[in-house]
């Protein structure tokens, strides 16, 4: 099982390989298009970036060079723990 931690407050366990969009939305992260073009769901990854799927083309186009930001609508948690701030 993988674990998402939102703002050091809320924790959610998910099966490895799960999309993070639904639990992120449940935690209060706003979503617009859910297709990676609006940028509404951009989050900061504080820890565990290596536990997320590779950047999508949509993220690369919108976010530019890889940093500590991801679009919650575009990534999956592979395993382990990921700490997210929004």
C-alpha atoms as a PDB file:
ATOM      1  CA  UNK A   1       0.000   0.000   0.000  1.00  0.00           C
ATOM      2  CA  UNK A   2       1.105   3.540  -0.787  1.00  0.00           C
ATOM      3  CA  UNK A   3       0.411   6.593   1.355  1.00  0.00           C
ATOM      4  CA  UNK A   4      -0.347  10.240   0.527  1.00  0.00           C
ATOM      5  CA  UNK A   5       0.072  12.871   3.237  1.00  0.00           C
ATOM      6  CA  UNK A   6      -1.624  16.224   2.590  1.00  0.00           C
ATOM      7  CA  UNK A   7      -0.318  19.338   4.407  1.00  0.00           C
ATOM      8  CA  UNK A   8       1.060  17.134   7.223  1.00  0.00           C
ATOM      9  CA  UNK A   9      -2.530  16.638   8.405  1.00  0.00           C
ATOM     10  CA  UNK A  10      -4.498  14.159   6.319  1.00  0.00           C
ATOM     11  CA  UNK A  11      -3.198  10.704   5.370  1.00  0.00           C
ATOM     12  CA  UNK A  12      -4.690   8.400   2.749  1.00  0.00           C
ATOM     13  CA  UNK A  13      -3.612   4.849   1.929  1.00  0.00           C
ATOM     14  CA  UNK A  14      -3.962   3.666  -1.675  1.00  0.00           C
ATOM     15  CA  UNK A  15      -3.069   0.551  -3.617  1.00  0.00           C
ATOM     16  CA  UNK A  16       0.311   0.874  -5.365  1.00  0.00           C
ATOM     17  CA  UNK A  17      -0.121   2.329  -8.853  1.00  0.00           C
ATOM     18  CA  UNK A  18      -3.217   4.396  -7.989  1.00  0.00           C
ATOM     19  CA  UNK A  19      -4.065   7.751  -9.509  1.00  0.00           C
ATOM     20  CA  UNK A  20      -3.901  10.508  -6.893  1.00  0.00           C
ATOM     21  CA  UNK A  21      -6.592  12.756  -8.413  1.00  0.00           C
ATOM     22  CA  UNK A  22      -9.576  11.520  -6.400  1.00  0.00           C
ATOM     23  CA  UNK A  23      -7.913  11.524  -2.960  1.00  0.00           C
ATOM     24  CA  UNK A  24      -6.333  14.900  -3.776  1.00  0.00           C
ATOM     25  CA  UNK A  25      -9.728  16.354  -4.645  1.00  0.00           C
ATOM     26  CA  UNK A  26     -11.215  14.829  -1.481  1.00  0.00           C
ATOM     27  CA  UNK A  27      -8.436  16.540   0.513  1.00  0.00           C
ATOM     28  CA  UNK A  28      -9.476  19.927  -0.895  1.00  0.00           C
ATOM     29  CA  UNK A  29      -7.178  20.427  -3.870  1.00  0.00           C
ATOM     30  CA  UNK A  30      -9.176  22.249  -6.556  1.00  0.00           C
ATOM     31  CA  UNK A  31      -9.535  20.706 -10.009  1.00  0.00           C
ATOM     32  CA  UNK A  32     -10.601  22.352 -13.248  1.00  0.00           C
ATOM     33  CA  UNK A  33     -10.220  20.364 -16.434  1.00  0.00           C
ATOM     34  CA  UNK A  34      -8.615  17.130 -15.086  1.00  0.00           C
ATOM     35  CA  UNK A  35      -6.745  16.827 -18.410  1.00  0.00           C
ATOM     36  CA  UNK A  36      -3.494  18.618 -17.556  1.00  0.00           C
ATOM     37  CA  UNK A  37      -4.135  21.866 -19.392  1.00  0.00           C
ATOM     38  CA  UNK A  38      -5.517  24.314 -16.807  1.00  0.00           C
ATOM     39  CA  UNK A  39      -2.995  23.992 -13.961  1.00  0.00           C
ATOM     40  CA  UNK A  40      -5.610  24.287 -11.222  1.00  0.00           C
ATOM     41  CA  UNK A  41      -4.411  21.143  -9.424  1.00  0.00           C
ATOM     42  CA  UNK A  42      -0.694  21.987  -9.173  1.00  0.00           C
ATOM     43  CA  UNK A  43       0.751  20.745  -5.890  1.00  0.00           C
ATOM     44  CA  UNK A  44       4.165  20.895  -4.243  1.00  0.00           C
ATOM     45  CA  UNK A  45       5.787  17.557  -3.495  1.00  0.00           C
ATOM     46  CA  UNK A  46       7.670  17.894  -0.200  1.00  0.00           C
ATOM     47  CA  UNK A  47       8.900  14.305  -0.028  1.00  0.00           C
ATOM     48  CA  UNK A  48       8.631  11.191  -2.149  1.00  0.00           C
ATOM     49  CA  UNK A  49       8.829  12.548  -5.709  1.00  0.00           C
ATOM     50  CA  UNK A  50      10.580   9.280  -6.638  1.00  0.00           C
ATOM     51  CA  UNK A  51       7.418   7.419  -5.592  1.00  0.00           C
ATOM     52  CA  UNK A  52       5.308   9.123  -8.268  1.00  0.00           C
ATOM     53  CA  UNK A  53       4.936   8.211 -11.931  1.00  0.00           C
ATOM     54  CA  UNK A  54       7.079   9.930 -14.546  1.00  0.00           C
ATOM     55  CA  UNK A  55       6.092  13.425 -15.681  1.00  0.00           C
ATOM     56  CA  UNK A  56       3.487  13.385 -18.447  1.00  0.00           C
ATOM     57  CA  UNK A  57       3.819  15.421 -21.637  1.00  0.00           C
ATOM     58  CA  UNK A  58       1.049  17.680 -20.298  1.00  0.00           C
ATOM     59  CA  UNK A  59       3.026  18.372 -17.129  1.00  0.00           C
ATOM     60  CA  UNK A  60       6.239  19.040 -19.029  1.00  0.00           C
ATOM     61  CA  UNK A  61       4.417  21.461 -21.342  1.00  0.00           C
ATOM     62  CA  UNK A  62       2.687  23.313 -18.497  1.00  0.00           C
ATOM     63  CA  UNK A  63       5.275  23.206 -15.700  1.00  0.00           C
ATOM     64  CA  UNK A  64       8.491  23.382 -17.697  1.00  0.00           C
ATOM     65  CA  UNK A  65      11.701  22.017 -16.150  1.00  0.00           C
ATOM     66  CA  UNK A  66      11.235  19.328 -13.520  1.00  0.00           C
ATOM     67  CA  UNK A  67      11.123  20.795 -10.025  1.00  0.00           C
ATOM     68  CA  UNK A  68       9.032  19.900  -6.987  1.00  0.00           C
ATOM     69  CA  UNK A  69       5.646  20.597  -8.583  1.00  0.00           C
ATOM     70  CA  UNK A  70       3.224  18.125 -10.108  1.00  0.00           C
ATOM     71  CA  UNK A  71      -0.280  18.254 -11.512  1.00  0.00           C
ATOM     72  CA  UNK A  72      -2.412  16.051  -9.263  1.00  0.00           C
ATOM     73  CA  UNK A  73      -4.638  15.088 -12.193  1.00  0.00           C
ATOM     74  CA  UNK A  74      -1.683  13.624 -14.094  1.00  0.00           C
ATOM     75  CA  UNK A  75       0.267  11.450 -11.690  1.00  0.00           C
ATOM     76  CA  UNK A  76       0.028   8.106  -9.972  1.00  0.00           C
ATOM     77  CA  UNK A  77       1.694   6.924  -6.796  1.00  0.00           C
ATOM     78  CA  UNK A  78       3.882   3.927  -7.548  1.00  0.00           C
ATOM     79  CA  UNK A  79       4.497   2.933  -3.916  1.00  0.00           C
ATOM     80  CA  UNK A  80       5.843   4.321  -0.655  1.00  0.00           C
ATOM     81  CA  UNK A  81       4.912   7.672   0.876  1.00  0.00           C
ATOM     82  CA  UNK A  82       4.424  11.055  -0.787  1.00  0.00           C
ATOM     83  CA  UNK A  83       4.003  14.308   1.169  1.00  0.00           C
ATOM     84  CA  UNK A  84       1.979  16.951  -0.680  1.00  0.00           C
ATOM     85  CA  UNK A  85       1.493  20.623   0.159  1.00  0.00           C
ATOM     86  CA  UNK A  86      -1.123  22.825  -1.466  1.00  0.00           C
END
